[in-house]
Amino acid sequence: MRDIKKFTVVILFVSLSVIGSLLKLPTGLGSVALDSAPALVAAALFGRNNGALVAAVGHLSAAFFAGFPLGVFHLLVAIEMGLLVYGFGWLFQHHWKKAAYIFFFIGNAFLAPLPFIFFMGSAFVMALFPSLIMGTMANVLVSFAVIPSLVKLPMIDSRKMPHA
């Protein structure tokens, strides 16, 4: 029964991430989606592995709906997103909540695009920074606002949460 509940929770958050991938923020270079917020919430409330899975699938769905503008490189971004949310969840679980948000923000907005210097050039990466900063901030703010509210729900047993 526990595996079914865990699977249901993961599917719910993957679904929320897919919906978030459809909510686009217009930015200077393309658009940024709200697909990371459900992954951050999942990592905080239900563990870093679940959050990482939600992040990777959420990014791939956002890329799918955008027409895969970076082609196969979206697999690299999905892996990066999974690792960043995993790190966020690890820090959150160890009660370093502020550090978790800072880690995710710096990692997603500034470090994750750096490998693209080798493929697309530094001008492309520099052009991405404003969009990524805005998108990351939006996802962080949504998760920062939602997590404390969800902790209070009676259906969520805070004693079993990774951060409790």
N, C-alpha and C. Protein backbone atom coordinates (compact mmCIF):
# COMPACT_ATOMS: atom_id res chain seq x y z
N MET A 1 0.82 -1.20 0.00
CA MET A 1 0.00 0.00 0.00
C MET A 1 0.86 1.25 0.00
N ARG A 2 1.96 1.21 0.75
CA ARG A 2 2.83 2.38 0.83
C ARG A 2 3.41 2.73 -0.54
N ASP A 3 3.79 1.72 -1.33
CA ASP A 3 4.34 1.98 -2.66
C ASP A 3 3.32 2.63 -3.58
N ILE A 4 2.05 2.26 -3.44
CA ILE A 4 1.00 2.87 -4.24
C ILE A 4 0.83 4.33 -3.87
N LYS A 5 0.87 4.64 -2.58
CA LYS A 5 0.76 6.04 -2.14
C LYS A 5 1.95 6.85 -2.65
N LYS A 6 3.13 6.30 -2.56
CA LYS A 6 4.33 7.00 -3.02
C LYS A 6 4.25 7.23 -4.53
N PHE A 7 3.85 6.22 -5.27
CA PHE A 7 3.70 6.34 -6.72
C PHE A 7 2.66 7.39 -7.07
N THR A 8 1.56 7.41 -6.34
CA THR A 8 0.50 8.39 -6.57
C THR A 8 0.99 9.81 -6.33
N VAL A 9 1.75 10.00 -5.27
CA VAL A 9 2.28 11.32 -4.96
C VAL A 9 3.24 11.78 -6.06
N VAL A 10 4.12 10.88 -6.50
CA VAL A 10 5.06 11.24 -7.56
C VAL A 10 4.32 11.60 -8.84
N ILE A 11 3.33 10.80 -9.21
CA ILE A 11 2.55 11.08 -10.42
C ILE A 11 1.81 12.41 -10.28
N LEU A 12 1.27 12.70 -9.10
CA LEU A 12 0.59 13.98 -8.87
C LEU A 12 1.55 15.14 -9.11
N PHE A 13 2.76 15.06 -8.56
CA PHE A 13 3.71 16.16 -8.71
C PHE A 13 4.28 16.23 -10.12
N VAL A 14 4.45 15.10 -10.78
CA VAL A 14 4.84 15.13 -12.20
C VAL A 14 3.75 15.84 -13.00
N SER A 15 2.49 15.53 -12.70
CA SER A 15 1.37 16.19 -13.39
C SER A 15 1.37 17.69 -13.14
N LEU A 16 1.62 18.10 -11.90
CA LEU A 16 1.70 19.52 -11.59
C LEU A 16 2.87 20.19 -12.32
N SER A 17 3.95 19.46 -12.45
CA SER A 17 5.11 19.99 -13.18
C SER A 17 4.80 20.14 -14.67
N VAL A 18 4.08 19.18 -15.23
CA VAL A 18 3.67 19.29 -16.64
C VAL A 18 2.75 20.49 -16.81
N ILE A 19 1.81 20.67 -15.90
CA ILE A 19 0.94 21.86 -15.96
C ILE A 19 1.78 23.13 -15.83
N GLY A 20 2.74 23.11 -14.91
CA GLY A 20 3.63 24.25 -14.75
C GLY A 20 4.45 24.53 -15.99
N SER A 21 4.76 23.48 -16.74
CA SER A 21 5.53 23.66 -17.98
C SER A 21 4.71 24.40 -19.03
N LEU A 22 3.42 24.40 -18.87
CA LEU A 22 2.54 25.13 -19.80
C LEU A 22 2.35 26.59 -19.37
N LEU A 23 2.71 26.91 -18.14
CA LEU A 23 2.59 28.28 -17.64
C LEU A 23 3.91 28.99 -17.91
N LYS A 24 3.96 29.71 -19.00
CA LYS A 24 5.19 30.35 -19.46
C LYS A 24 5.28 31.79 -19.00
N LEU A 25 6.49 32.17 -18.60
CA LEU A 25 6.80 33.56 -18.29
C LEU A 25 7.54 34.14 -19.48
N PRO A 26 7.00 35.16 -20.11
CA PRO A 26 7.72 35.73 -21.25
C PRO A 26 9.00 36.41 -20.77
N THR A 27 10.07 36.11 -21.44
CA THR A 27 11.36 36.69 -21.08
C THR A 27 12.07 37.15 -22.35
N GLY A 28 13.23 37.69 -22.20
CA GLY A 28 13.97 38.22 -23.33
C GLY A 28 14.31 37.17 -24.38
N LEU A 29 14.67 35.97 -23.94
CA LEU A 29 15.07 34.91 -24.86
C LEU A 29 14.13 33.74 -24.66
N GLY A 30 13.11 33.65 -25.48
CA GLY A 30 12.14 32.57 -25.33
C GLY A 30 11.25 32.79 -24.13
N SER A 31 10.97 31.71 -23.42
CA SER A 31 10.16 31.81 -22.22
C SER A 31 10.65 30.80 -21.21
N VAL A 32 10.31 31.05 -19.97
CA VAL A 32 10.69 30.17 -18.88
C VAL A 32 9.40 29.65 -18.26
N ALA A 33 9.38 28.37 -17.93
CA ALA A 33 8.17 27.75 -17.41
C ALA A 33 8.22 27.60 -15.90
N LEU A 34 7.07 27.36 -15.32
CA LEU A 34 6.94 27.12 -13.88
C LEU A 34 6.91 25.62 -13.58
N ASP A 35 7.82 24.89 -14.19
CA ASP A 35 7.85 23.44 -14.00
C ASP A 35 8.72 23.00 -12.82
N SER A 36 9.57 23.88 -12.31
CA SER A 36 10.47 23.51 -11.21
C SER A 36 9.82 23.60 -9.84
N ALA A 37 8.85 24.47 -9.69
CA ALA A 37 8.22 24.66 -8.38
C ALA A 37 7.64 23.35 -7.83
N PRO A 38 6.88 22.57 -8.61
CA PRO A 38 6.38 21.30 -8.05
C PRO A 38 7.51 20.34 -7.68
N ALA A 39 8.61 20.39 -8.42
CA ALA A 39 9.75 19.52 -8.10
C ALA A 39 10.38 19.92 -6.77
N LEU A 40 10.50 21.22 -6.53
CA LEU A 40 11.05 21.69 -5.25
C LEU A 40 10.13 21.30 -4.10
N VAL A 41 8.84 21.44 -4.31
CA VAL A 41 7.87 21.06 -3.27
C VAL A 41 7.95 19.56 -3.00
N ALA A 42 8.01 18.77 -4.07
CA ALA A 42 8.11 17.32 -3.91
C ALA A 42 9.38 16.93 -3.17
N ALA A 43 10.49 17.58 -3.50
CA ALA A 43 11.76 17.27 -2.82
C ALA A 43 11.69 17.62 -1.35
N ALA A 44 11.07 18.75 -1.03
CA ALA A 44 10.98 19.19 0.37
C ALA A 44 10.05 18.31 1.18
N LEU A 45 8.93 17.93 0.60
CA LEU A 45 7.91 17.20 1.36
C LEU A 45 8.01 15.69 1.25
N PHE A 46 8.51 15.19 0.11
CA PHE A 46 8.46 13.75 -0.13
C PHE A 46 9.81 13.14 -0.51
N GLY A 47 10.88 13.90 -0.34
CA GLY A 47 12.21 13.34 -0.55
C GLY A 47 12.87 13.80 -1.83
N ARG A 48 14.19 13.82 -1.76
CA ARG A 48 14.99 14.35 -2.87
C ARG A 48 14.92 13.48 -4.12
N ASN A 49 14.79 12.16 -3.97
CA ASN A 49 14.69 11.30 -5.16
C ASN A 49 13.41 11.60 -5.93
N ASN A 50 12.31 11.74 -5.21
CA ASN A 50 11.04 12.06 -5.86
C ASN A 50 11.11 13.43 -6.52
N GLY A 51 11.69 14.40 -5.83
CA GLY A 51 11.82 15.73 -6.40
C GLY A 51 12.67 15.74 -7.64
N ALA A 52 13.78 14.98 -7.63
CA ALA A 52 14.66 14.92 -8.80
C ALA A 52 13.94 14.33 -10.01
N LEU A 53 13.16 13.29 -9.77
CA LEU A 53 12.39 12.68 -10.86
C LEU A 53 11.38 13.67 -11.43
N VAL A 54 10.69 14.36 -10.55
CA VAL A 54 9.70 15.36 -10.99
C VAL A 54 10.40 16.45 -11.80
N ALA A 55 11.57 16.88 -11.36
CA ALA A 55 12.30 17.95 -12.05
C ALA A 55 12.70 17.53 -13.46
N ALA A 56 13.24 16.33 -13.59
CA ALA A 56 13.69 15.85 -14.90
C ALA A 56 12.51 15.70 -15.86
N VAL A 57 11.45 15.06 -15.41
CA VAL A 57 10.28 14.87 -16.26
C VAL A 57 9.63 16.23 -16.56
N GLY A 58 9.58 17.09 -15.57
CA GLY A 58 9.00 18.42 -15.77
C GLY A 58 9.75 19.22 -16.81
N HIS A 59 11.09 19.17 -16.76
CA HIS A 59 11.85 19.90 -17.78
C HIS A 59 11.61 19.32 -19.17
N LEU A 60 11.61 18.00 -19.28
CA LEU A 60 11.38 17.39 -20.59
C LEU A 60 10.00 17.74 -21.14
N SER A 61 9.01 17.84 -20.26
CA SER A 61 7.68 18.22 -20.74
C SER A 61 7.68 19.69 -21.17
N ALA A 62 8.37 20.55 -20.43
CA ALA A 62 8.46 21.96 -20.83
C ALA A 62 9.15 22.07 -22.19
N ALA A 63 10.22 21.31 -22.37
CA ALA A 63 10.94 21.32 -23.64
C ALA A 63 10.05 20.79 -24.76
N PHE A 64 9.28 19.75 -24.46
CA PHE A 64 8.38 19.18 -25.47
C PHE A 64 7.36 20.22 -25.94
N PHE A 65 6.75 20.90 -25.00
CA PHE A 65 5.72 21.88 -25.36
C PHE A 65 6.32 23.11 -26.05
N ALA A 66 7.62 23.34 -25.85
CA ALA A 66 8.29 24.46 -26.52
C ALA A 66 8.87 24.05 -27.87
N GLY A 67 8.76 22.78 -28.21
CA GLY A 67 9.27 22.31 -29.49
C GLY A 67 10.74 21.90 -29.46
N PHE A 68 11.27 21.57 -28.29
CA PHE A 68 12.65 21.15 -28.12
C PHE A 68 13.64 22.09 -28.83
N PRO A 69 13.65 23.37 -28.45
CA PRO A 69 14.51 24.33 -29.14
C PRO A 69 16.01 24.01 -29.03
N LEU A 70 16.43 23.30 -28.01
CA LEU A 70 17.84 22.94 -27.86
C LEU A 70 18.12 21.50 -28.27
N GLY A 71 17.12 20.85 -28.86
CA GLY A 71 17.31 19.48 -29.33
C GLY A 71 17.70 18.53 -28.22
N VAL A 72 18.68 17.70 -28.51
CA VAL A 72 19.12 16.65 -27.58
C VAL A 72 19.72 17.23 -26.30
N PHE A 73 20.12 18.49 -26.34
CA PHE A 73 20.69 19.10 -25.15
C PHE A 73 19.69 19.20 -24.00
N HIS A 74 18.42 19.04 -24.30
CA HIS A 74 17.43 19.05 -23.22
C HIS A 74 17.61 17.86 -22.28
N LEU A 75 18.21 16.78 -22.77
CA LEU A 75 18.51 15.66 -21.87
C LEU A 75 19.54 16.09 -20.83
N LEU A 76 20.54 16.86 -21.25
CA LEU A 76 21.53 17.40 -20.31
C LEU A 76 20.85 18.30 -19.29
N VAL A 77 19.96 19.16 -19.76
CA VAL A 77 19.27 20.07 -18.86
C VAL A 77 18.38 19.29 -17.88
N ALA A 78 17.72 18.24 -18.35
CA ALA A 78 16.88 17.42 -17.47
C ALA A 78 17.72 16.77 -16.38
N ILE A 79 18.92 16.29 -16.74
CA ILE A 79 19.82 15.71 -15.74
C ILE A 79 20.27 16.78 -14.76
N GLU A 80 20.63 17.95 -15.27
CA GLU A 80 21.02 19.06 -14.39
C GLU A 80 19.89 19.42 -13.43
N MET A 81 18.68 19.50 -13.95
CA MET A 81 17.54 19.85 -13.10
C MET A 81 17.34 18.80 -12.01
N GLY A 82 17.43 17.53 -12.39
CA GLY A 82 17.30 16.46 -11.41
C GLY A 82 18.36 16.57 -10.31
N LEU A 83 19.60 16.85 -10.70
CA LEU A 83 20.68 16.97 -9.73
C LEU A 83 20.50 18.19 -8.83
N LEU A 84 20.07 19.31 -9.42
CA LEU A 84 19.85 20.51 -8.62
C LEU A 84 18.73 20.31 -7.60
N VAL A 85 17.65 19.70 -8.02
CA VAL A 85 16.54 19.46 -7.09
C VAL A 85 16.92 18.40 -6.05
N TYR A 86 17.71 17.43 -6.46
CA TYR A 86 18.22 16.45 -5.49
C TYR A 86 19.04 17.16 -4.42
N GLY A 87 19.94 18.05 -4.84
CA GLY A 87 20.74 18.82 -3.89
C GLY A 87 19.88 19.71 -3.01
N PHE A 88 18.87 20.34 -3.60
CA PHE A 88 17.92 21.14 -2.83
C PHE A 88 17.27 20.28 -1.76
N GLY A 89 16.78 19.11 -2.16
CA GLY A 89 16.12 18.21 -1.21
C GLY A 89 17.05 17.74 -0.11
N TRP A 90 18.30 17.46 -0.45
CA TRP A 90 19.27 17.02 0.56
C TRP A 90 19.49 18.12 1.59
N LEU A 91 19.71 19.34 1.12
CA LEU A 91 19.91 20.46 2.04
C LEU A 91 18.66 20.71 2.89
N PHE A 92 17.49 20.66 2.24
CA PHE A 92 16.23 20.88 2.96
C PHE A 92 16.04 19.81 4.04
N GLN A 93 16.34 18.58 3.69
CA GLN A 93 16.18 17.47 4.63
C GLN A 93 17.09 17.63 5.84
N HIS A 94 18.23 18.27 5.64
CA HIS A 94 19.18 18.47 6.74
C HIS A 94 18.96 19.82 7.43
N HIS A 95 17.77 20.37 7.24
CA HIS A 95 17.34 21.60 7.91
C HIS A 95 18.12 22.85 7.49
N TRP A 96 18.72 22.81 6.33
CA TRP A 96 19.41 23.98 5.78
C TRP A 96 18.53 24.57 4.69
N LYS A 97 17.37 25.04 5.11
CA LYS A 97 16.36 25.49 4.15
C LYS A 97 16.81 26.70 3.33
N LYS A 98 17.38 27.69 4.00
CA LYS A 98 17.86 28.87 3.26
C LYS A 98 18.96 28.48 2.29
N ALA A 99 19.86 27.63 2.75
CA ALA A 99 20.95 27.15 1.87
C ALA A 99 20.38 26.37 0.69
N ALA A 100 19.30 25.63 0.91
CA ALA A 100 18.68 24.87 -0.17
C ALA A 100 18.17 25.79 -1.27
N TYR A 101 17.48 26.85 -0.87
CA TYR A 101 16.97 27.80 -1.87
C TYR A 101 18.10 28.53 -2.58
N ILE A 102 19.12 28.93 -1.83
CA ILE A 102 20.26 29.62 -2.45
C ILE A 102 20.99 28.68 -3.41
N PHE A 103 21.20 27.43 -2.99
CA PHE A 103 21.84 26.43 -3.84
C PHE A 103 21.08 26.26 -5.16
N PHE A 104 19.78 26.10 -5.06
CA PHE A 104 18.99 25.90 -6.28
C PHE A 104 19.03 27.15 -7.15
N PHE A 105 18.90 28.31 -6.55
CA PHE A 105 18.89 29.55 -7.33
C PHE A 105 20.21 29.73 -8.09
N ILE A 106 21.32 29.64 -7.39
CA ILE A 106 22.62 29.83 -8.03
C ILE A 106 22.87 28.73 -9.06
N GLY A 107 22.55 27.51 -8.69
CA GLY A 107 22.78 26.38 -9.60
C GLY A 107 21.97 26.48 -10.88
N ASN A 108 20.69 26.81 -10.74
CA ASN A 108 19.81 26.84 -11.91
C ASN A 108 20.03 28.10 -12.75
N ALA A 109 20.20 29.23 -12.10
CA ALA A 109 20.29 30.49 -12.84
C ALA A 109 21.69 30.73 -13.44
N PHE A 110 22.73 30.25 -12.75
CA PHE A 110 24.09 30.61 -13.18
C PHE A 110 24.97 29.43 -13.57
N LEU A 111 24.87 28.30 -12.87
CA LEU A 111 25.79 27.20 -13.15
C LEU A 111 25.29 26.23 -14.22
N ALA A 112 24.01 25.92 -14.20
CA ALA A 112 23.47 24.96 -15.17
C ALA A 112 23.70 25.35 -16.63
N PRO A 113 23.63 26.64 -16.98
CA PRO A 113 23.85 26.98 -18.39
C PRO A 113 25.32 26.94 -18.84
N LEU A 114 26.26 26.86 -17.91
CA LEU A 114 27.67 26.95 -18.28
C LEU A 114 28.16 25.89 -19.28
N PRO A 115 27.70 24.63 -19.21
CA PRO A 115 28.16 23.67 -20.23
C PRO A 115 27.79 24.07 -21.66
N PHE A 116 26.79 24.92 -21.80
CA PHE A 116 26.38 25.33 -23.14
C PHE A 116 27.38 26.29 -23.79
N ILE A 117 28.33 26.80 -23.01
CA ILE A 117 29.39 27.63 -23.59
C ILE A 117 30.14 26.83 -24.66
N PHE A 118 30.35 25.54 -24.40
CA PHE A 118 31.11 24.70 -25.33
C PHE A 118 30.33 24.37 -26.60
N PHE A 119 29.01 24.40 -26.52
CA PHE A 119 28.18 24.02 -27.66
C PHE A 119 27.60 25.21 -28.41
N MET A 120 27.23 26.24 -27.67
CA MET A 120 26.51 27.37 -28.27
C MET A 120 27.29 28.68 -28.20
N GLY A 121 28.33 28.72 -27.39
CA GLY A 121 29.12 29.93 -27.27
C GLY A 121 28.73 30.75 -26.04
N SER A 122 29.65 31.61 -25.63
CA SER A 122 29.43 32.39 -24.42
C SER A 122 28.35 33.45 -24.60
N ALA A 123 28.18 33.98 -25.82
CA ALA A 123 27.14 34.99 -26.04
C ALA A 123 25.75 34.39 -25.80
N PHE A 124 25.55 33.15 -26.23
CA PHE A 124 24.26 32.48 -26.00
C PHE A 124 24.00 32.32 -24.51
N VAL A 125 25.01 31.88 -23.78
CA VAL A 125 24.85 31.67 -22.33
C VAL A 125 24.59 32.99 -21.62
N MET A 126 25.32 34.02 -22.00
CA MET A 126 25.10 35.34 -21.38
C MET A 126 23.68 35.84 -21.65
N ALA A 127 23.17 35.55 -22.83
CA ALA A 127 21.81 35.97 -23.17
C ALA A 127 20.77 35.20 -22.37
N LEU A 128 21.10 34.00 -21.93
CA LEU A 128 20.17 33.19 -21.13
C LEU A 128 20.01 33.67 -19.69
N PHE A 129 21.05 34.28 -19.14
CA PHE A 129 21.04 34.61 -17.71
C PHE A 129 19.83 35.41 -17.26
N PRO A 130 19.44 36.50 -17.92
CA PRO A 130 18.26 37.24 -17.41
C PRO A 130 17.00 36.38 -17.35
N SER A 131 16.77 35.58 -18.39
CA SER A 131 15.59 34.71 -18.41
C SER A 131 15.65 33.67 -17.30
N LEU A 132 16.81 33.07 -17.13
CA LEU A 132 16.95 32.04 -16.09
C LEU A 132 16.84 32.62 -14.69
N ILE A 133 17.36 33.81 -14.50
CA ILE A 133 17.24 34.46 -13.19
C ILE A 133 15.77 34.70 -12.86
N MET A 134 15.03 35.25 -13.82
CA MET A 134 13.60 35.53 -13.58
C MET A 134 12.81 34.24 -13.37
N GLY A 135 13.05 33.25 -14.22
CA GLY A 135 12.33 31.99 -14.10
C GLY A 135 12.65 31.24 -12.82
N THR A 136 13.93 31.21 -12.47
CA THR A 136 14.32 30.54 -11.23
C THR A 136 13.72 31.23 -10.03
N MET A 137 13.75 32.55 -10.04
CA MET A 137 13.17 33.30 -8.92
C MET A 137 11.68 33.01 -8.80
N ALA A 138 10.97 32.96 -9.91
CA ALA A 138 9.53 32.67 -9.88
C ALA A 138 9.27 31.28 -9.30
N ASN A 139 10.03 30.28 -9.74
CA ASN A 139 9.84 28.92 -9.24
C ASN A 139 10.19 28.81 -7.76
N VAL A 140 11.25 29.48 -7.35
CA VAL A 140 11.66 29.47 -5.94
C VAL A 140 10.59 30.14 -5.08
N LEU A 141 10.09 31.29 -5.53
CA LEU A 141 9.08 32.00 -4.75
C LEU A 141 7.79 31.19 -4.61
N VAL A 142 7.37 30.54 -5.69
CA VAL A 142 6.16 29.71 -5.62
C VAL A 142 6.37 28.58 -4.61
N SER A 143 7.48 27.89 -4.71
CA SER A 143 7.72 26.78 -3.78
C SER A 143 7.89 27.27 -2.34
N PHE A 144 8.54 28.42 -2.17
CA PHE A 144 8.72 29.00 -0.84
C PHE A 144 7.38 29.34 -0.20
N ALA A 145 6.43 29.77 -1.02
CA ALA A 145 5.10 30.11 -0.51
C ALA A 145 4.23 28.87 -0.26
N VAL A 146 4.40 27.84 -1.06
CA VAL A 146 3.53 26.67 -1.01
C VAL A 146 3.94 25.67 0.06
N ILE A 147 5.22 25.44 0.23
CA ILE A 147 5.68 24.40 1.15
C ILE A 147 5.14 24.59 2.57
N PRO A 148 5.25 25.78 3.17
CA PRO A 148 4.72 25.92 4.54
C PRO A 148 3.22 25.67 4.64
N SER A 149 2.48 26.00 3.60
CA SER A 149 1.03 25.77 3.61
C SER A 149 0.72 24.28 3.54
N LEU A 150 1.46 23.55 2.72
CA LEU A 150 1.20 22.12 2.58
C LEU A 150 1.58 21.33 3.82
N VAL A 151 2.58 21.80 4.53
CA VAL A 151 3.00 21.11 5.75
C VAL A 151 1.86 21.07 6.76
N LYS A 152 0.99 22.06 6.72
CA LYS A 152 -0.11 22.16 7.68
C LYS A 152 -1.31 21.28 7.33
N LEU A 153 -1.33 20.71 6.13
CA LEU A 153 -2.47 19.88 5.73
C LEU A 153 -2.52 18.61 6.56
N PRO A 154 -3.72 18.20 6.97
CA PRO A 154 -3.82 17.01 7.82
C PRO A 154 -3.41 15.73 7.10
N MET A 155 -3.50 15.70 5.78
CA MET A 155 -3.16 14.47 5.05
C MET A 155 -1.66 14.26 4.92
N ILE A 156 -0.87 15.29 5.24
CA ILE A 156 0.58 15.17 5.17
C ILE A 156 1.09 14.96 6.58
N ASP A 157 1.70 13.82 6.81
CA ASP A 157 2.23 13.49 8.13
C ASP A 157 3.61 14.10 8.26
N SER A 158 3.69 15.23 8.97
CA SER A 158 4.95 15.95 9.07
C SER A 158 6.02 15.15 9.82
N ARG A 159 5.62 14.15 10.58
CA ARG A 159 6.60 13.32 11.29
C ARG A 159 7.39 12.46 10.32
N LYS A 160 6.79 12.14 9.17
CA LYS A 160 7.46 11.28 8.20
C LYS A 160 8.14 12.08 7.08
N MET A 161 8.02 13.38 7.12
CA MET A 161 8.62 14.20 6.08
C MET A 161 10.12 14.27 6.26
N PRO A 162 10.84 14.37 5.15
CA PRO A 162 12.29 14.44 5.24
C PRO A 162 12.78 15.65 6.01
N HIS A 163 12.03 16.76 6.02
CA HIS A 163 12.52 17.98 6.64
C HIS A 163 12.07 18.15 8.09
N ALA A 164 11.17 17.29 8.56
CA ALA A 164 10.62 17.47 9.90
C ALA A 164 11.59 17.10 10.99
